[in-house]
Amino acid sequence: MIHLTRLNGNPLVVNSDLIKYAEASPDTMLTLINGEKIVVLESCEEVVKRTVAYRGRVFAEAAGHLQSLPWTLLSLAGWAHPSEPPSSPPTPSAIPED
């Protein structure tokens, strides 16, 4: 979710995954995947910057959680921790099948 501002100054939080495209005409108009249009004070560049920052935070948090899970591919292959790789990559037989 990204924080934006409507033209009247009211704050707005938008699910950035729902933005289909943004256009400057001259105000920034966001078109959502459902066809809804939202006009905001921020520039297209700022909307993109906030979206990239938000997604970066989401991916970083997810990566942190994945590293702590015991069932990750690395632990299944016998690696103790990603910072301590084995001398050779795991063979397909080392990875259990479902």
PDB file of N, CA and C in Angstrom:
ATOM      1  N   MET A   1       0.847  -1.164   0.000  1.00  0.00           N
ATOM      2  CA  MET A   1       0.000   0.000   0.000  1.00  0.00           C
ATOM      3  C   MET A   1       0.901   1.238   0.000  1.00  0.00           C
ATOM      4  N   ILE A   2       0.530   2.200  -0.811  1.00  0.00           N
ATOM      5  CA  ILE A   2       1.305   3.442  -0.867  1.00  0.00           C
ATOM      6  C   ILE A   2       0.425   4.612  -0.448  1.00  0.00           C
ATOM      7  N   HIS A   3       1.033   5.552   0.242  1.00  0.00           N
ATOM      8  CA  HIS A   3       0.331   6.742   0.725  1.00  0.00           C
ATOM      9  C   HIS A   3       0.430   7.841  -0.322  1.00  0.00           C
ATOM     10  N   LEU A   4      -0.716   8.350  -0.743  1.00  0.00           N
ATOM     11  CA  LEU A   4      -0.791   9.421  -1.730  1.00  0.00           C
ATOM     12  C   LEU A   4      -1.731  10.504  -1.213  1.00  0.00           C
ATOM     13  N   THR A   5      -1.919  11.561  -2.018  1.00  0.00           N
ATOM     14  CA  THR A   5      -2.769  12.679  -1.624  1.00  0.00           C
ATOM     15  C   THR A   5      -3.720  13.034  -2.759  1.00  0.00           C
ATOM     16  N   ARG A   6      -5.004  13.106  -2.437  1.00  0.00           N
ATOM     17  CA  ARG A   6      -5.981  13.563  -3.430  1.00  0.00           C
ATOM     18  C   ARG A   6      -5.759  15.042  -3.717  1.00  0.00           C
ATOM     19  N   LEU A   7      -6.341  15.542  -4.795  1.00  0.00           N
ATOM     20  CA  LEU A   7      -6.166  16.952  -5.165  1.00  0.00           C
ATOM     21  C   LEU A   7      -6.674  17.894  -4.083  1.00  0.00           C
ATOM     22  N   ASN A   8      -7.687  17.480  -3.307  1.00  0.00           N
ATOM     23  CA  ASN A   8      -8.232  18.344  -2.257  1.00  0.00           C
ATOM     24  C   ASN A   8      -7.407  18.301  -0.972  1.00  0.00           C
ATOM     25  N   GLY A   9      -6.282  17.549  -0.995  1.00  0.00           N
ATOM     26  CA  GLY A   9      -5.398  17.484   0.160  1.00  0.00           C
ATOM     27  C   GLY A   9      -5.654  16.317   1.092  1.00  0.00           C
ATOM     28  N   ASN A  10      -6.718  15.563   0.867  1.00  0.00           N
ATOM     29  CA  ASN A  10      -7.019  14.413   1.718  1.00  0.00           C
ATOM     30  C   ASN A  10      -6.050  13.274   1.427  1.00  0.00           C
ATOM     31  N   PRO A  11      -5.527  12.653   2.490  1.00  0.00           N
ATOM     32  CA  PRO A  11      -4.628  11.515   2.284  1.00  0.00           C
ATOM     33  C   PRO A  11      -5.390  10.302   1.771  1.00  0.00           C
ATOM     34  N   LEU A  12      -4.684   9.469   1.054  1.00  0.00           N
ATOM     35  CA  LEU A  12      -5.273   8.300   0.418  1.00  0.00           C
ATOM     36  C   LEU A  12      -4.232   7.186   0.436  1.00  0.00           C
ATOM     37  N   VAL A  13      -4.654   5.970   0.717  1.00  0.00           N
ATOM     38  CA  VAL A  13      -3.761   4.819   0.652  1.00  0.00           C
ATOM     39  C   VAL A  13      -4.262   3.925  -0.473  1.00  0.00           C
ATOM     40  N   VAL A  14      -3.365   3.592  -1.399  1.00  0.00           N
ATOM     41  CA  VAL A  14      -3.735   2.829  -2.589  1.00  0.00           C
ATOM     42  C   VAL A  14      -2.966   1.517  -2.617  1.00  0.00           C
ATOM     43  N   ASN A  15      -3.661   0.448  -2.971  1.00  0.00           N
ATOM     44  CA  ASN A  15      -3.003  -0.836  -3.195  1.00  0.00           C
ATOM     45  C   ASN A  15      -2.280  -0.733  -4.536  1.00  0.00           C
ATOM     46  N   SER A  16      -0.966  -0.637  -4.481  1.00  0.00           N
ATOM     47  CA  SER A  16      -0.200  -0.411  -5.710  1.00  0.00           C
ATOM     48  C   SER A  16      -0.282  -1.574  -6.690  1.00  0.00           C
ATOM     49  N   ASP A  17      -0.664  -2.759  -6.213  1.00  0.00           N
ATOM     50  CA  ASP A  17      -0.828  -3.899  -7.113  1.00  0.00           C
ATOM     51  C   ASP A  17      -2.035  -3.725  -8.031  1.00  0.00           C
ATOM     52  N   LEU A  18      -2.925  -2.802  -7.692  1.00  0.00           N
ATOM     53  CA  LEU A  18      -4.130  -2.592  -8.494  1.00  0.00           C
ATOM     54  C   LEU A  18      -3.975  -1.483  -9.527  1.00  0.00           C
ATOM     55  N   ILE A  19      -2.833  -0.802  -9.539  1.00  0.00           N
ATOM     56  CA  ILE A  19      -2.619   0.282 -10.503  1.00  0.00           C
ATOM     57  C   ILE A  19      -2.275  -0.317 -11.861  1.00  0.00           C
ATOM     58  N   LYS A  20      -3.126   0.006 -12.844  1.00  0.00           N
ATOM     59  CA  LYS A  20      -2.883  -0.461 -14.216  1.00  0.00           C
ATOM     60  C   LYS A  20      -1.885   0.464 -14.905  1.00  0.00           C
ATOM     61  N   TYR A  21      -2.130   1.781 -14.798  1.00  0.00           N
ATOM     62  CA  TYR A  21      -1.171   2.751 -15.305  1.00  0.00           C
ATOM     63  C   TYR A  21      -1.404   4.111 -14.679  1.00  0.00           C
ATOM     64  N   ALA A  22      -0.383   4.967 -14.800  1.00  0.00           N
ATOM     65  CA  ALA A  22      -0.438   6.332 -14.290  1.00  0.00           C
ATOM     66  C   ALA A  22      -0.105   7.260 -15.441  1.00  0.00           C
ATOM     67  N   GLU A  23      -0.849   8.350 -15.516  1.00  0.00           N
ATOM     68  CA  GLU A  23      -0.571   9.323 -16.578  1.00  0.00           C
ATOM     69  C   GLU A  23      -0.647  10.733 -16.033  1.00  0.00           C
ATOM     70  N   ALA A  24       0.184  11.603 -16.580  1.00  0.00           N
ATOM     71  CA  ALA A  24       0.211  13.006 -16.185  1.00  0.00           C
ATOM     72  C   ALA A  24      -0.500  13.806 -17.262  1.00  0.00           C
ATOM     73  N   SER A  25      -1.587  14.525 -16.857  1.00  0.00           N
ATOM     74  CA  SER A  25      -2.369  15.214 -17.888  1.00  0.00           C
ATOM     75  C   SER A  25      -3.078  16.473 -17.388  1.00  0.00           C
ATOM     76  N   PRO A  26      -2.568  17.493 -16.817  1.00  0.00           N
ATOM     77  CA  PRO A  26      -1.269  17.632 -16.162  1.00  0.00           C
ATOM     78  C   PRO A  26      -1.241  17.015 -14.771  1.00  0.00           C
ATOM     79  N   ASP A  27      -2.425  16.819 -14.152  1.00  0.00           N
ATOM     80  CA  ASP A  27      -2.441  16.135 -12.855  1.00  0.00           C
ATOM     81  C   ASP A  27      -2.184  14.642 -13.078  1.00  0.00           C
ATOM     82  N   THR A  28      -1.738  13.971 -12.036  1.00  0.00           N
ATOM     83  CA  THR A  28      -1.468  12.533 -12.146  1.00  0.00           C
ATOM     84  C   THR A  28      -2.762  11.763 -11.950  1.00  0.00           C
ATOM     85  N   MET A  29      -3.132  10.990 -12.960  1.00  0.00           N
ATOM     86  CA  MET A  29      -4.329  10.173 -12.883  1.00  0.00           C
ATOM     87  C   MET A  29      -3.923   8.706 -12.903  1.00  0.00           C
ATOM     88  N   LEU A  30      -4.341   7.985 -11.847  1.00  0.00           N
ATOM     89  CA  LEU A  30      -4.097   6.555 -11.756  1.00  0.00           C
ATOM     90  C   LEU A  30      -5.323   5.829 -12.261  1.00  0.00           C
ATOM     91  N   THR A  31      -5.130   4.861 -13.111  1.00  0.00           N
ATOM     92  CA  THR A  31      -6.221   3.996 -13.547  1.00  0.00           C
ATOM     93  C   THR A  31      -5.975   2.637 -12.931  1.00  0.00           C
ATOM     94  N   LEU A  32      -6.957   2.170 -12.171  1.00  0.00           N
ATOM     95  CA  LEU A  32      -6.844   0.873 -11.513  1.00  0.00           C
ATOM     96  C   LEU A  32      -7.315  -0.227 -12.453  1.00  0.00           C
ATOM     97  N   ILE A  33      -6.998  -1.465 -12.126  1.00  0.00           N
ATOM     98  CA  ILE A  33      -7.343  -2.573 -13.007  1.00  0.00           C
ATOM     99  C   ILE A  33      -8.853  -2.753 -13.164  1.00  0.00           C
ATOM    100  N   ASN A  34      -9.648  -2.205 -12.227  1.00  0.00           N
ATOM    101  CA  ASN A  34     -11.107  -2.304 -12.343  1.00  0.00           C
ATOM    102  C   ASN A  34     -11.697  -1.126 -13.114  1.00  0.00           C
ATOM    103  N   GLY A  35     -10.845  -0.229 -13.642  1.00  0.00           N
ATOM    104  CA  GLY A  35     -11.300   0.907 -14.422  1.00  0.00           C
ATOM    105  C   GLY A  35     -11.477   2.183 -13.617  1.00  0.00           C
ATOM    106  N   GLU A  36     -11.445   2.094 -12.288  1.00  0.00           N
ATOM    107  CA  GLU A  36     -11.582   3.282 -11.439  1.00  0.00           C
ATOM    108  C   GLU A  36     -10.402   4.205 -11.672  1.00  0.00           C
ATOM    109  N   LYS A  37     -10.688   5.505 -11.687  1.00  0.00           N
ATOM    110  CA  LYS A  37      -9.635   6.497 -11.887  1.00  0.00           C
ATOM    111  C   LYS A  37      -9.505   7.340 -10.625  1.00  0.00           C
ATOM    112  N   ILE A  38      -8.256   7.598 -10.237  1.00  0.00           N
ATOM    113  CA  ILE A  38      -7.960   8.392  -9.054  1.00  0.00           C
ATOM    114  C   ILE A  38      -6.964   9.471  -9.458  1.00  0.00           C
ATOM    115  N   VAL A  39      -7.272  10.728  -9.128  1.00  0.00           N
ATOM    116  CA  VAL A  39      -6.361  11.830  -9.417  1.00  0.00           C
ATOM    117  C   VAL A  39      -5.634  12.189  -8.123  1.00  0.00           C
ATOM    118  N   VAL A  40      -4.301  12.270  -8.194  1.00  0.00           N
ATOM    119  CA  VAL A  40      -3.495  12.534  -7.006  1.00  0.00           C
ATOM    120  C   VAL A  40      -2.522  13.684  -7.255  1.00  0.00           C
ATOM    121  N   LEU A  41      -2.036  14.269  -6.145  1.00  0.00           N
ATOM    122  CA  LEU A  41      -1.085  15.380  -6.241  1.00  0.00           C
ATOM    123  C   LEU A  41       0.310  14.930  -6.664  1.00  0.00           C
ATOM    124  N   GLU A  42       0.701  13.732  -6.257  1.00  0.00           N
ATOM    125  CA  GLU A  42       2.053  13.252  -6.540  1.00  0.00           C
ATOM    126  C   GLU A  42       2.258  13.027  -8.040  1.00  0.00           C
ATOM    127  N   SER A  43       3.495  13.216  -8.473  1.00  0.00           N
ATOM    128  CA  SER A  43       3.832  12.992  -9.885  1.00  0.00           C
ATOM    129  C   SER A  43       3.853  11.496 -10.190  1.00  0.00           C
ATOM    130  N   CYS A  44       3.834  11.165 -11.472  1.00  0.00           N
ATOM    131  CA  CYS A  44       3.954   9.761 -11.888  1.00  0.00           C
ATOM    132  C   CYS A  44       5.255   9.169 -11.362  1.00  0.00           C
ATOM    133  N   GLU A  45       6.329   9.953 -11.436  1.00  0.00           N
ATOM    134  CA  GLU A  45       7.621   9.479 -10.963  1.00  0.00           C
ATOM    135  C   GLU A  45       7.579   9.159  -9.463  1.00  0.00           C
ATOM    136  N   GLU A  46       6.877  10.002  -8.690  1.00  0.00           N
ATOM    137  CA  GLU A  46       6.765   9.769  -7.249  1.00  0.00           C
ATOM    138  C   GLU A  46       5.920   8.530  -6.950  1.00  0.00           C
ATOM    139  N   VAL A  47       4.871   8.307  -7.736  1.00  0.00           N
ATOM    140  CA  VAL A  47       4.047   7.105  -7.563  1.00  0.00           C
ATOM    141  C   VAL A  47       4.894   5.864  -7.822  1.00  0.00           C
ATOM    142  N   VAL A  48       5.690   5.899  -8.868  1.00  0.00           N
ATOM    143  CA  VAL A  48       6.576   4.773  -9.178  1.00  0.00           C
ATOM    144  C   VAL A  48       7.595   4.582  -8.062  1.00  0.00           C
ATOM    145  N   LYS A  49       8.199   5.666  -7.590  1.00  0.00           N
ATOM    146  CA  LYS A  49       9.198   5.596  -6.524  1.00  0.00           C
ATOM    147  C   LYS A  49       8.602   4.963  -5.268  1.00  0.00           C
ATOM    148  N   ARG A  50       7.406   5.376  -4.888  1.00  0.00           N
ATOM    149  CA  ARG A  50       6.767   4.827  -3.694  1.00  0.00           C
ATOM    150  C   ARG A  50       6.376   3.362  -3.887  1.00  0.00           C
ATOM    151  N   THR A  51       5.957   3.018  -5.095  1.00  0.00           N
ATOM    152  CA  THR A  51       5.598   1.632  -5.383  1.00  0.00           C
ATOM    153  C   THR A  51       6.821   0.727  -5.296  1.00  0.00           C
ATOM    154  N   VAL A  52       7.922   1.165  -5.876  1.00  0.00           N
ATOM    155  CA  VAL A  52       9.162   0.375  -5.836  1.00  0.00           C
ATOM    156  C   VAL A  52       9.652   0.233  -4.394  1.00  0.00           C
ATOM    157  N   ALA A  53       9.577   1.308  -3.619  1.00  0.00           N
ATOM    158  CA  ALA A  53      10.002   1.251  -2.219  1.00  0.00           C
ATOM    159  C   ALA A  53       9.123   0.289  -1.426  1.00  0.00           C
ATOM    160  N   TYR A  54       7.819   0.345  -1.653  1.00  0.00           N
ATOM    161  CA  TYR A  54       6.891  -0.550  -0.957  1.00  0.00           C
ATOM    162  C   TYR A  54       7.188  -2.013  -1.300  1.00  0.00           C
ATOM    163  N   ARG A  55       7.339  -2.301  -2.570  1.00  0.00           N
ATOM    164  CA  ARG A  55       7.607  -3.686  -2.978  1.00  0.00           C
ATOM    165  C   ARG A  55       8.951  -4.167  -2.455  1.00  0.00           C
ATOM    166  N   GLY A  56       9.930  -3.278  -2.407  1.00  0.00           N
ATOM    167  CA  GLY A  56      11.226  -3.634  -1.842  1.00  0.00           C
ATOM    168  C   GLY A  56      11.103  -4.026  -0.382  1.00  0.00           C
ATOM    169  N   ARG A  57      10.303  -3.276   0.376  1.00  0.00           N
ATOM    170  CA  ARG A  57      10.088  -3.609   1.789  1.00  0.00           C
ATOM    171  C   ARG A  57       9.383  -4.955   1.926  1.00  0.00           C
ATOM    172  N   VAL A  58       8.393  -5.208   1.072  1.00  0.00           N
ATOM    173  CA  VAL A  58       7.661  -6.479   1.129  1.00  0.00           C
ATOM    174  C   VAL A  58       8.594  -7.648   0.831  1.00  0.00           C
ATOM    175  N   PHE A  59       9.387  -7.541  -0.236  1.00  0.00           N
ATOM    176  CA  PHE A  59      10.297  -8.626  -0.604  1.00  0.00           C
ATOM    177  C   PHE A  59      11.384  -8.832   0.448  1.00  0.00           C
ATOM    178  N   ALA A  60      11.890  -7.744   1.015  1.00  0.00           N
ATOM    179  CA  ALA A  60      12.922  -7.867   2.049  1.00  0.00           C
ATOM    180  C   ALA A  60      12.371  -8.581   3.273  1.00  0.00           C
ATOM    181  N   GLU A  61      11.156  -8.240   3.666  1.00  0.00           N
ATOM    182  CA  GLU A  61      10.548  -8.904   4.819  1.00  0.00           C
ATOM    183  C   GLU A  61      10.294 -10.382   4.527  1.00  0.00           C
ATOM    184  N   ALA A  62       9.820 -10.676   3.330  1.00  0.00           N
ATOM    185  CA  ALA A  62       9.572 -12.071   2.957  1.00  0.00           C
ATOM    186  C   ALA A  62      10.875 -12.863   2.927  1.00  0.00           C
ATOM    187  N   ALA A  63      11.935 -12.278   2.412  1.00  0.00           N
ATOM    188  CA  ALA A  63      13.224 -12.969   2.355  1.00  0.00           C
ATOM    189  C   ALA A  63      13.730 -13.267   3.758  1.00  0.00           C
ATOM    190  N   GLY A  64      13.528 -12.350   4.683  1.00  0.00           N
ATOM    191  CA  GLY A  64      13.939 -12.575   6.064  1.00  0.00           C
ATOM    192  C   GLY A  64      13.193 -13.734   6.687  1.00  0.00           C
ATOM    193  N   HIS A  65      11.900 -13.837   6.388  1.00  0.00           N
ATOM    194  CA  HIS A  65      11.116 -14.948   6.919  1.00  0.00           C
ATOM    195  C   HIS A  65      11.531 -16.276   6.293  1.00  0.00           C
ATOM    196  N   LEU A  66      11.825 -16.261   5.004  1.00  0.00           N
ATOM    197  CA  LEU A  66      12.204 -17.502   4.318  1.00  0.00           C
ATOM    198  C   LEU A  66      13.504 -18.069   4.867  1.00  0.00           C
ATOM    199  N   GLN A  67      14.437 -17.199   5.200  1.00  0.00           N
ATOM    200  CA  GLN A  67      15.725 -17.675   5.706  1.00  0.00           C
ATOM    201  C   GLN A  67      15.575 -18.376   7.048  1.00  0.00           C
ATOM    202  N   SER A  68      14.540 -18.031   7.795  1.00  0.00           N
ATOM    203  CA  SER A  68      14.374 -18.640   9.116  1.00  0.00           C
ATOM    204  C   SER A  68      13.549 -19.919   9.075  1.00  0.00           C
ATOM    205  N   LEU A  69      12.996 -20.277   7.934  1.00  0.00           N
ATOM    206  CA  LEU A  69      12.170 -21.473   7.844  1.00  0.00           C
ATOM    207  C   LEU A  69      13.035 -22.723   7.687  1.00  0.00           C
ATOM    208  N   PRO A  70      12.754 -23.759   8.457  1.00  0.00           N
ATOM    209  CA  PRO A  70      13.582 -24.962   8.379  1.00  0.00           C
ATOM    210  C   PRO A  70      13.365 -25.791   7.122  1.00  0.00           C
ATOM    211  N   TRP A  71      12.284 -25.563   6.410  1.00  0.00           N
ATOM    212  CA  TRP A  71      11.979 -26.413   5.258  1.00  0.00           C
ATOM    213  C   TRP A  71      12.399 -25.811   3.929  1.00  0.00           C
ATOM    214  N   THR A  72      13.206 -24.777   3.954  1.00  0.00           N
ATOM    215  CA  THR A  72      13.638 -24.176   2.693  1.00  0.00           C
ATOM    216  C   THR A  72      14.479 -25.156   1.889  1.00  0.00           C
ATOM    217  N   LEU A  73      14.628 -24.888   0.631  1.00  0.00           N
ATOM    218  CA  LEU A  73      15.395 -25.760  -0.261  1.00  0.00           C
ATOM    219  C   LEU A  73      16.808 -25.978   0.262  1.00  0.00           C
ATOM    220  N   LEU A  74      17.396 -24.925   0.834  1.00  0.00           N
ATOM    221  CA  LEU A  74      18.764 -25.066   1.334  1.00  0.00           C
ATOM    222  C   LEU A  74      18.845 -26.073   2.467  1.00  0.00           C
ATOM    223  N   SER A  75      17.879 -26.040   3.378  1.00  0.00           N
ATOM    224  CA  SER A  75      17.930 -27.002   4.479  1.00  0.00           C
ATOM    225  C   SER A  75      17.584 -28.404   3.990  1.00  0.00           C
ATOM    226  N   LEU A  76      16.694 -28.513   3.009  1.00  0.00           N
ATOM    227  CA  LEU A  76      16.363 -29.825   2.462  1.00  0.00           C
ATOM    228  C   LEU A  76      17.564 -30.449   1.771  1.00  0.00           C
ATOM    229  N   ALA A  77      18.407 -29.607   1.205  1.00  0.00           N
ATOM    230  CA  ALA A  77      19.576 -30.100   0.490  1.00  0.00           C
ATOM    231  C   ALA A  77      20.761 -30.338   1.420  1.00  0.00           C
ATOM    232  N   GLY A  78      20.575 -30.075   2.712  1.00  0.00           N
ATOM    233  CA  GLY A  78      21.642 -30.340   3.660  1.00  0.00           C
ATOM    234  C   GLY A  78      22.511 -29.142   3.974  1.00  0.00           C
ATOM    235  N   TRP A  79      22.175 -27.963   3.498  1.00  0.00           N
ATOM    236  CA  TRP A  79      22.944 -26.779   3.818  1.00  0.00           C
ATOM    237  C   TRP A  79      22.480 -26.271   5.166  1.00  0.00           C
ATOM    238  N   ALA A  80      23.401 -25.969   6.035  1.00  0.00           N
ATOM    239  CA  ALA A  80      23.048 -25.492   7.364  1.00  0.00           C
ATOM    240  C   ALA A  80      22.487 -24.074   7.302  1.00  0.00           C
ATOM    241  N   HIS A  81      23.074 -23.243   6.493  1.00  0.00           N
ATOM    242  CA  HIS A  81      22.664 -21.837   6.416  1.00  0.00           C
ATOM    243  C   HIS A  81      23.148 -21.291   5.081  1.00  0.00           C
ATOM    244  N   PRO A  82      22.414 -20.339   4.483  1.00  0.00           N
ATOM    245  CA  PRO A  82      22.838 -19.805   3.183  1.00  0.00           C
ATOM    246  C   PRO A  82      24.247 -19.224   3.192  1.00  0.00           C
ATOM    247  N   SER A  83      24.732 -18.762   4.345  1.00  0.00           N
ATOM    248  CA  SER A  83      26.082 -18.197   4.389  1.00  0.00           C
ATOM    249  C   SER A  83      27.153 -19.282   4.447  1.00  0.00           C
ATOM    250  N   GLU A  84      26.735 -20.543   4.595  1.00  0.00           N
ATOM    251  CA  GLU A  84      27.676 -21.647   4.672  1.00  0.00           C
ATOM    252  C   GLU A  84      27.363 -22.698   3.611  1.00  0.00           C
ATOM    253  N   PRO A  85      27.565 -22.373   2.322  1.00  0.00           N
ATOM    254  CA  PRO A  85      27.243 -23.348   1.273  1.00  0.00           C
ATOM    255  C   PRO A  85      28.207 -24.529   1.303  1.00  0.00           C
ATOM    256  N   PRO A  86      27.759 -25.673   0.830  1.00  0.00           N
ATOM    257  CA  PRO A  86      28.653 -26.832   0.777  1.00  0.00           C
ATOM    258  C   PRO A  86      29.707 -26.638  -0.297  1.00  0.00           C
ATOM    259  N   SER A  87      30.682 -27.509  -0.311  1.00  0.00           N
ATOM    260  CA  SER A  87      31.757 -27.381  -1.295  1.00  0.00           C
ATOM    261  C   SER A  87      31.270 -27.676  -2.709  1.00  0.00           C
ATOM    262  N   SER A  88      30.166 -28.432  -2.836  1.00  0.00           N
ATOM    263  CA  SER A  88      29.599 -28.710  -4.154  1.00  0.00           C
ATOM    264  C   SER A  88      28.085 -28.556  -4.074  1.00  0.00           C
ATOM    265  N   PRO A  89      27.438 -28.212  -5.185  1.00  0.00           N
ATOM    266  CA  PRO A  89      25.984 -28.038  -5.152  1.00  0.00           C
ATOM    267  C   PRO A  89      25.291 -29.360  -4.888  1.00  0.00           C
ATOM    268  N   PRO A  90      24.074 -29.307  -4.331  1.00  0.00           N
ATOM    269  CA  PRO A  90      23.357 -30.549  -4.060  1.00  0.00           C
ATOM    270  C   PRO A  90      22.987 -31.265  -5.351  1.00  0.00           C
ATOM    271  N   THR A  91      22.970 -32.562  -5.292  1.00  0.00           N
ATOM    272  CA  THR A  91      22.547 -33.357  -6.434  1.00  0.00           C
ATOM    273  C   THR A  91      21.042 -33.499  -6.385  1.00  0.00           C
ATOM    274  N   PRO A  92      20.385 -33.804  -7.510  1.00  0.00           N
ATOM    275  CA  PRO A  92      18.933 -33.962  -7.486  1.00  0.00           C
ATOM    276  C   PRO A  92      18.467 -35.021  -6.498  1.00  0.00           C
ATOM    277  N   SER A  93      19.275 -36.045  -6.247  1.00  0.00           N
ATOM    278  CA  SER A  93      18.869 -37.081  -5.307  1.00  0.00           C
ATOM    279  C   SER A  93      18.888 -36.583  -3.866  1.00  0.00           C
ATOM    280  N   ALA A  94      19.589 -35.454  -3.603  1.00  0.00           N
ATOM    281  CA  ALA A  94      19.658 -34.906  -2.262  1.00  0.00           C
ATOM    282  C   ALA A  94      18.410 -34.097  -1.903  1.00  0.00           C
ATOM    283  N   ILE A  95      17.625 -33.769  -2.917  1.00  0.00           N
ATOM    284  CA  ILE A  95      16.408 -32.982  -2.701  1.00  0.00           C
ATOM    285  C   ILE A  95      15.222 -33.915  -2.708  1.00  0.00           C
ATOM    286  N   PRO A  96      14.499 -34.004  -1.593  1.00  0.00           N
ATOM    287  CA  PRO A  96      13.358 -34.932  -1.530  1.00  0.00           C
ATOM    288  C   PRO A  96      12.266 -34.564  -2.514  1.00  0.00           C
ATOM    289  N   GLU A  97      11.605 -35.557  -3.039  1.00  0.00           N
ATOM    290  CA  GLU A  97      10.489 -35.333  -3.956  1.00  0.00           C
ATOM    291  C   GLU A  97       9.188 -35.369  -3.179  1.00  0.00           C
ATOM    292  N   ASP A  98       8.197 -34.664  -3.697  1.00  0.00           N
ATOM    293  CA  ASP A  98       6.873 -34.667  -3.057  1.00  0.00           C
ATOM    294  C   ASP A  98       6.097 -35.903  -3.428  1.00  0.00           C
TER     295      ASP A  98
END
